[in-house]
Amino acid sequence: MNKHSIIQQLTEAKVVAVIRGQNAEEAAQLSKAAAEGGIRAIELTYTTPQVEAAFKELQNEKIILGAGSVMDSETARHAILAGAKFIVSSHFIEEVAALCNRYGLPYLPGCMTIREMAMALEAGCDVIKLFPASQFEPSFIKTVNGPLPNVRIMPTGGINQENIKSWLNAGAVAAGIGSDLNKAYQSGGYQAVVELSRKYIQESIG
């Protein structure tokens, strides 16, 4: 599986579940519930203790598995060896971009400004994570694509059922969701995450 086929899968998935578990088992359960609800792209964050155990448990699931909250190239390599097919960080990190290029995997760095996005493009990043998206309106994508027509954006942070469709209609390649899933899990357990994931998928294709 090469970088472009992975990006194509993310684009087709439309929704990326950003999973932050209190431990690896919770992260795995959240991920399985999201997958059962139809979400095909899962980002396991490195803020989860012993996250490698969650990667191992999810290897046989029919999902595209990535790593989030990656802060350095050592962590990125650890994630790739654990099975991550894409790498996400909160901000652009040149060393992580170089490592992902070396392994032929997508790197989605968090960016807010045109300058940051231009730097990421020059480093070989094909998709930019707009983070936190709560600070912007969906029309921002069109604004960015004026001077940078090749930028493809995945908004994350502040995406919910009310605005995900607006972001996708505005040109987002996919949208990252997270806190809603955690809240559903804490209040209603596994099945609540399944049901909420189904609603997000319905919104993304509606």
C-alpha atoms as a PDB file:
ATOM      1  CA  MET A   1       0.000   0.000   0.000  1.00  0.00           C
ATOM      2  CA  ASN A   2       1.608   3.277  -1.099  1.00  0.00           C
ATOM      3  CA  LYS A   3       1.083   6.830   0.083  1.00  0.00           C
ATOM      4  CA  HIS A   4      -1.386   7.798  -2.605  1.00  0.00           C
ATOM      5  CA  SER A   5      -3.587   4.751  -2.114  1.00  0.00           C
ATOM      6  CA  ILE A   6      -3.708   5.483   1.633  1.00  0.00           C
ATOM      7  CA  ILE A   7      -4.724   9.098   0.961  1.00  0.00           C
ATOM      8  CA  GLN A   8      -7.391   7.810  -1.413  1.00  0.00           C
ATOM      9  CA  GLN A   9      -8.730   5.552   1.342  1.00  0.00           C
ATOM     10  CA  LEU A  10      -8.821   8.466   3.791  1.00  0.00           C
ATOM     11  CA  THR A  11     -10.678  10.564   1.235  1.00  0.00           C
ATOM     12  CA  GLU A  12     -13.204   7.795   0.664  1.00  0.00           C
ATOM     13  CA  ALA A  13     -13.597   7.253   4.426  1.00  0.00           C
ATOM     14  CA  LYS A  14     -14.509  10.959   4.921  1.00  0.00           C
ATOM     15  CA  VAL A  15     -14.512  10.559   8.723  1.00  0.00           C
ATOM     16  CA  VAL A  16     -11.381   9.923  10.793  1.00  0.00           C
ATOM     17  CA  ALA A  17     -11.978   8.888  14.414  1.00  0.00           C
ATOM     18  CA  VAL A  18      -9.322  10.454  16.640  1.00  0.00           C
ATOM     19  CA  ILE A  19      -9.080   8.030  19.554  1.00  0.00           C
ATOM     20  CA  ARG A  20      -7.700   9.126  22.928  1.00  0.00           C
ATOM     21  CA  GLY A  21      -8.065   6.369  25.483  1.00  0.00           C
ATOM     22  CA  GLN A  22      -7.287   6.370  29.192  1.00  0.00           C
ATOM     23  CA  ASN A  23      -5.441   3.143  28.427  1.00  0.00           C
ATOM     24  CA  ALA A  24      -4.785   0.861  25.471  1.00  0.00           C
ATOM     25  CA  GLU A  25      -7.816  -1.343  26.094  1.00  0.00           C
ATOM     26  CA  GLU A  26     -10.189   1.612  26.152  1.00  0.00           C
ATOM     27  CA  ALA A  27      -8.619   2.936  22.939  1.00  0.00           C
ATOM     28  CA  ALA A  28      -9.078  -0.453  21.275  1.00  0.00           C
ATOM     29  CA  GLN A  29     -12.716  -0.678  22.386  1.00  0.00           C
ATOM     30  CA  LEU A  30     -13.438   2.853  21.180  1.00  0.00           C
ATOM     31  CA  SER A  31     -11.822   2.029  17.843  1.00  0.00           C
ATOM     32  CA  LYS A  32     -13.763  -1.217  17.408  1.00  0.00           C
ATOM     33  CA  ALA A  33     -17.028   0.541  18.232  1.00  0.00           C
ATOM     34  CA  ALA A  34     -16.278   3.319  15.741  1.00  0.00           C
ATOM     35  CA  ALA A  35     -15.452   0.715  13.088  1.00  0.00           C
ATOM     36  CA  GLU A  36     -18.658  -1.186  13.826  1.00  0.00           C
ATOM     37  CA  GLY A  37     -20.508   2.087  13.295  1.00  0.00           C
ATOM     38  CA  GLY A  38     -18.976   2.430   9.848  1.00  0.00           C
ATOM     39  CA  ILE A  39     -15.910   4.611  10.413  1.00  0.00           C
ATOM     40  CA  ARG A  40     -13.071   3.172   8.357  1.00  0.00           C
ATOM     41  CA  ALA A  41     -10.181   5.450   9.384  1.00  0.00           C
ATOM     42  CA  ILE A  42      -8.880   5.405  12.957  1.00  0.00           C
ATOM     43  CA  GLU A  43      -6.182   7.658  14.403  1.00  0.00           C
ATOM     44  CA  LEU A  44      -4.745   6.259  17.649  1.00  0.00           C
ATOM     45  CA  THR A  45      -3.110   9.078  19.571  1.00  0.00           C
ATOM     46  CA  TYR A  46       0.199   8.714  21.353  1.00  0.00           C
ATOM     47  CA  THR A  47      -1.313  10.416  24.400  1.00  0.00           C
ATOM     48  CA  THR A  48      -2.813   6.990  25.187  1.00  0.00           C
ATOM     49  CA  PRO A  49      -0.628   4.979  27.615  1.00  0.00           C
ATOM     50  CA  GLN A  50       0.838   1.786  26.060  1.00  0.00           C
ATOM     51  CA  VAL A  51      -0.817   2.698  22.765  1.00  0.00           C
ATOM     52  CA  GLU A  52       1.226   0.023  20.949  1.00  0.00           C
ATOM     53  CA  ALA A  53      -0.991  -2.614  22.588  1.00  0.00           C
ATOM     54  CA  ALA A  54      -4.022  -0.999  20.931  1.00  0.00           C
ATOM     55  CA  PHE A  55      -2.261  -1.074  17.553  1.00  0.00           C
ATOM     56  CA  LYS A  56      -1.601  -4.779  18.033  1.00  0.00           C
ATOM     57  CA  GLU A  57      -5.203  -5.532  18.994  1.00  0.00           C
ATOM     58  CA  LEU A  58      -6.565  -3.686  15.955  1.00  0.00           C
ATOM     59  CA  GLN A  59      -4.313  -5.167  13.283  1.00  0.00           C
ATOM     60  CA  ASN A  60      -6.987  -7.543  11.981  1.00  0.00           C
ATOM     61  CA  GLU A  61      -9.794  -4.970  11.893  1.00  0.00           C
ATOM     62  CA  LYS A  62     -10.960  -3.783   8.471  1.00  0.00           C
ATOM     63  CA  ILE A  63      -9.819  -0.217   9.032  1.00  0.00           C
ATOM     64  CA  ILE A  64      -7.019   2.085   7.970  1.00  0.00           C
ATOM     65  CA  LEU A  65      -5.011   2.722  11.118  1.00  0.00           C
ATOM     66  CA  GLY A  66      -2.942   5.820  11.778  1.00  0.00           C
ATOM     67  CA  ALA A  67      -1.077   7.459  14.639  1.00  0.00           C
ATOM     68  CA  GLY A  68      -1.819  10.883  16.107  1.00  0.00           C
ATOM     69  CA  SER A  69      -0.167  13.289  18.564  1.00  0.00           C
ATOM     70  CA  VAL A  70       3.203  12.301  17.082  1.00  0.00           C
ATOM     71  CA  MET A  71       5.762  14.817  18.339  1.00  0.00           C
ATOM     72  CA  ASP A  72       9.056  13.551  16.906  1.00  0.00           C
ATOM     73  CA  SER A  73      10.580  11.229  14.311  1.00  0.00           C
ATOM     74  CA  GLU A  74      11.342   8.525  16.903  1.00  0.00           C
ATOM     75  CA  THR A  75       7.653   8.285  17.786  1.00  0.00           C
ATOM     76  CA  ALA A  76       6.712   8.312  14.104  1.00  0.00           C
ATOM     77  CA  ARG A  77       9.030   5.358  13.432  1.00  0.00           C
ATOM     78  CA  HIS A  78       7.650   3.523  16.461  1.00  0.00           C
ATOM     79  CA  ALA A  79       4.118   4.044  15.124  1.00  0.00           C
ATOM     80  CA  ILE A  80       5.018   2.846  11.639  1.00  0.00           C
ATOM     81  CA  LEU A  81       6.618  -0.303  13.040  1.00  0.00           C
ATOM     82  CA  ALA A  82       3.460  -0.820  15.140  1.00  0.00           C
ATOM     83  CA  GLY A  83       1.363  -0.749  11.979  1.00  0.00           C
ATOM     84  CA  ALA A  84       0.370   2.895  11.431  1.00  0.00           C
ATOM     85  CA  LYS A  85      -0.402   3.713   7.787  1.00  0.00           C
ATOM     86  CA  PHE A  86      -0.501   7.484   8.276  1.00  0.00           C
ATOM     87  CA  ILE A  87       1.026   9.904  10.786  1.00  0.00           C
ATOM     88  CA  VAL A  88      -0.634  12.975  12.282  1.00  0.00           C
ATOM     89  CA  SER A  89       0.778  15.703  14.509  1.00  0.00           C
ATOM     90  CA  SER A  90      -0.570  18.877  16.088  1.00  0.00           C
ATOM     91  CA  HIS A  91       1.971  21.004  14.193  1.00  0.00           C
ATOM     92  CA  PHE A  92       4.423  20.660  11.312  1.00  0.00           C
ATOM     93  CA  ILE A  93       7.633  18.794  12.204  1.00  0.00           C
ATOM     94  CA  GLU A  94      10.231  18.679   9.443  1.00  0.00           C
ATOM     95  CA  GLU A  95      11.954  15.526  10.744  1.00  0.00           C
ATOM     96  CA  VAL A  96       8.661  13.622  10.808  1.00  0.00           C
ATOM     97  CA  ALA A  97       7.928  14.699   7.239  1.00  0.00           C
ATOM     98  CA  ALA A  98      11.335  13.401   6.131  1.00  0.00           C
ATOM     99  CA  LEU A  99      10.838  10.062   7.886  1.00  0.00           C
ATOM    100  CA  CYS A 100       7.364   9.545   6.438  1.00  0.00           C
ATOM    101  CA  ASN A 101       8.667  10.348   2.957  1.00  0.00           C
ATOM    102  CA  ARG A 102      11.405   7.762   3.502  1.00  0.00           C
ATOM    103  CA  TYR A 103       8.812   5.090   4.345  1.00  0.00           C
ATOM    104  CA  GLY A 104       6.328   6.244   1.700  1.00  0.00           C
ATOM    105  CA  LEU A 105       3.500   7.035   4.144  1.00  0.00           C
ATOM    106  CA  PRO A 106       1.302  10.136   4.431  1.00  0.00           C
ATOM    107  CA  TYR A 107       2.123  12.751   7.043  1.00  0.00           C
ATOM    108  CA  LEU A 108      -0.737  15.082   8.039  1.00  0.00           C
ATOM    109  CA  PRO A 109       0.687  17.953  10.119  1.00  0.00           C
ATOM    110  CA  GLY A 110      -1.481  20.428  11.973  1.00  0.00           C
ATOM    111  CA  CYS A 111      -1.349  23.882  10.383  1.00  0.00           C
ATOM    112  CA  MET A 112      -3.248  27.137  10.830  1.00  0.00           C
ATOM    113  CA  THR A 113      -1.509  29.663   8.586  1.00  0.00           C
ATOM    114  CA  ILE A 114      -0.706  29.889   4.878  1.00  0.00           C
ATOM    115  CA  ARG A 115       3.000  29.950   5.734  1.00  0.00           C
ATOM    116  CA  GLU A 116       2.780  26.713   7.736  1.00  0.00           C
ATOM    117  CA  MET A 117       0.803  25.052   4.961  1.00  0.00           C
ATOM    118  CA  ALA A 118       3.318  26.152   2.317  1.00  0.00           C
ATOM    119  CA  MET A 119       6.175  24.716   4.391  1.00  0.00           C
ATOM    120  CA  ALA A 120       4.314  21.427   4.781  1.00  0.00           C
ATOM    121  CA  LEU A 121       3.624  21.254   1.042  1.00  0.00           C
ATOM    122  CA  GLU A 122       7.287  21.825   0.261  1.00  0.00           C
ATOM    123  CA  ALA A 123       8.170  18.989   2.660  1.00  0.00           C
ATOM    124  CA  GLY A 124       5.968  16.557   0.725  1.00  0.00           C
ATOM    125  CA  CYS A 125       2.775  16.637   2.796  1.00  0.00           C
ATOM    126  CA  ASP A 126      -0.226  15.886   0.593  1.00  0.00           C
ATOM    127  CA  VAL A 127      -2.943  16.535   3.188  1.00  0.00           C
ATOM    128  CA  ILE A 128      -2.888  19.237   5.868  1.00  0.00           C
ATOM    129  CA  LYS A 129      -4.713  18.921   9.180  1.00  0.00           C
ATOM    130  CA  LEU A 130      -6.415  22.240   9.889  1.00  0.00           C
ATOM    131  CA  PHE A 131      -6.151  22.383  13.663  1.00  0.00           C
ATOM    132  CA  PRO A 132      -7.965  23.530  15.634  1.00  0.00           C
ATOM    133  CA  ALA A 133     -10.751  23.801  13.061  1.00  0.00           C
ATOM    134  CA  SER A 134     -12.995  25.402  15.689  1.00  0.00           C
ATOM    135  CA  GLN A 135     -11.142  28.663  14.993  1.00  0.00           C
ATOM    136  CA  PHE A 136     -12.265  28.725  11.348  1.00  0.00           C
ATOM    137  CA  GLU A 137     -15.313  28.565   9.116  1.00  0.00           C
ATOM    138  CA  PRO A 138     -15.621  25.950   6.317  1.00  0.00           C
ATOM    139  CA  SER A 139     -15.196  28.753   3.757  1.00  0.00           C
ATOM    140  CA  PHE A 140     -11.568  28.998   4.914  1.00  0.00           C
ATOM    141  CA  ILE A 141     -10.747  26.061   2.632  1.00  0.00           C
ATOM    142  CA  LYS A 142     -11.709  28.060  -0.460  1.00  0.00           C
ATOM    143  CA  THR A 143      -9.699  31.003   0.850  1.00  0.00           C
ATOM    144  CA  VAL A 144      -6.606  28.814   1.240  1.00  0.00           C
ATOM    145  CA  ASN A 145      -7.062  27.205  -2.159  1.00  0.00           C
ATOM    146  CA  GLY A 146      -6.767  30.645  -3.790  1.00  0.00           C
ATOM    147  CA  PRO A 147      -3.002  31.048  -3.231  1.00  0.00           C
ATOM    148  CA  LEU A 148      -2.425  27.325  -2.566  1.00  0.00           C
ATOM    149  CA  PRO A 149      -4.682  25.385  -4.982  1.00  0.00           C
ATOM    150  CA  ASN A 150      -2.926  22.080  -4.253  1.00  0.00           C
ATOM    151  CA  VAL A 151      -3.616  22.096  -0.498  1.00  0.00           C
ATOM    152  CA  ARG A 152      -6.000  19.384   0.640  1.00  0.00           C
ATOM    153  CA  ILE A 153      -7.380  19.949   4.123  1.00  0.00           C
ATOM    154  CA  MET A 154      -8.657  17.682   6.902  1.00  0.00           C
ATOM    155  CA  PRO A 155     -10.258  19.830   9.624  1.00  0.00           C
ATOM    156  CA  THR A 156      -9.924  18.479  13.162  1.00  0.00           C
ATOM    157  CA  GLY A 157     -10.851  19.955  16.530  1.00  0.00           C
ATOM    158  CA  GLY A 158     -14.356  21.289  16.911  1.00  0.00           C
ATOM    159  CA  ILE A 159     -15.940  19.049  14.283  1.00  0.00           C
ATOM    160  CA  ASN A 160     -19.397  17.841  15.293  1.00  0.00           C
ATOM    161  CA  GLN A 161     -22.620  16.477  13.809  1.00  0.00           C
ATOM    162  CA  GLU A 162     -23.867  19.981  13.097  1.00  0.00           C
ATOM    163  CA  ASN A 163     -20.897  21.141  11.007  1.00  0.00           C
ATOM    164  CA  ILE A 164     -19.190  18.074   9.523  1.00  0.00           C
ATOM    165  CA  LYS A 165     -21.317  18.156   6.382  1.00  0.00           C
ATOM    166  CA  SER A 166     -20.550  21.855   5.862  1.00  0.00           C
ATOM    167  CA  TRP A 167     -16.816  21.161   6.059  1.00  0.00           C
ATOM    168  CA  LEU A 168     -17.025  18.253   3.628  1.00  0.00           C
ATOM    169  CA  ASN A 169     -19.188  20.262   1.229  1.00  0.00           C
ATOM    170  CA  ALA A 170     -16.630  23.080   1.421  1.00  0.00           C
ATOM    171  CA  GLY A 171     -13.939  20.745   0.081  1.00  0.00           C
ATOM    172  CA  ALA A 172     -12.431  18.979   3.092  1.00  0.00           C
ATOM    173  CA  VAL A 173     -10.947  15.621   2.034  1.00  0.00           C
ATOM    174  CA  ALA A 174     -12.057  14.182   5.392  1.00  0.00           C
ATOM    175  CA  ALA A 175     -12.839  15.408   8.892  1.00  0.00           C
ATOM    176  CA  GLY A 176     -11.379  14.310  12.212  1.00  0.00           C
ATOM    177  CA  ILE A 177     -13.729  13.708  15.141  1.00  0.00           C
ATOM    178  CA  GLY A 178     -12.816  12.687  18.662  1.00  0.00           C
ATOM    179  CA  SER A 179     -14.271  14.247  21.786  1.00  0.00           C
ATOM    180  CA  ASP A 180     -17.849  13.285  20.867  1.00  0.00           C
ATOM    181  CA  LEU A 181     -16.843   9.624  20.705  1.00  0.00           C
ATOM    182  CA  ASN A 182     -15.120   9.775  24.084  1.00  0.00           C
ATOM    183  CA  LYS A 183     -18.143  11.461  25.667  1.00  0.00           C
ATOM    184  CA  ALA A 184     -20.446   8.814  24.173  1.00  0.00           C
ATOM    185  CA  TYR A 185     -18.232   6.034  25.525  1.00  0.00           C
ATOM    186  CA  GLN A 186     -18.107   7.514  29.010  1.00  0.00           C
ATOM    187  CA  SER A 187     -21.871   8.023  29.186  1.00  0.00           C
ATOM    188  CA  GLY A 188     -23.210   5.048  27.235  1.00  0.00           C
ATOM    189  CA  GLY A 189     -20.376   2.596  26.635  1.00  0.00           C
ATOM    190  CA  TYR A 190     -19.503   0.657  23.508  1.00  0.00           C
ATOM    191  CA  GLN A 191     -22.940   0.695  21.869  1.00  0.00           C
ATOM    192  CA  ALA A 192     -23.288   4.453  22.265  1.00  0.00           C
ATOM    193  CA  VAL A 193     -20.087   4.900  20.225  1.00  0.00           C
ATOM    194  CA  VAL A 194     -21.410   2.519  17.538  1.00  0.00           C
ATOM    195  CA  GLU A 195     -24.628   4.513  17.227  1.00  0.00           C
ATOM    196  CA  LEU A 196     -22.886   7.907  17.209  1.00  0.00           C
ATOM    197  CA  SER A 197     -20.419   6.698  14.565  1.00  0.00           C
ATOM    198  CA  ARG A 198     -23.328   5.645  12.376  1.00  0.00           C
ATOM    199  CA  LYS A 199     -24.795   9.139  12.679  1.00  0.00           C
ATOM    200  CA  TYR A 200     -21.501  10.711  11.638  1.00  0.00           C
ATOM    201  CA  ILE A 201     -21.277   8.434   8.607  1.00  0.00           C
ATOM    202  CA  GLN A 202     -24.843   9.294   7.644  1.00  0.00           C
ATOM    203  CA  GLU A 203     -24.023  13.002   7.912  1.00  0.00           C
ATOM    204  CA  SER A 204     -20.870  12.588   5.811  1.00  0.00           C
ATOM    205  CA  ILE A 205     -22.660  10.864   2.935  1.00  0.00           C
ATOM    206  CA  GLY A 206     -26.017  12.601   3.223  1.00  0.00           C
END
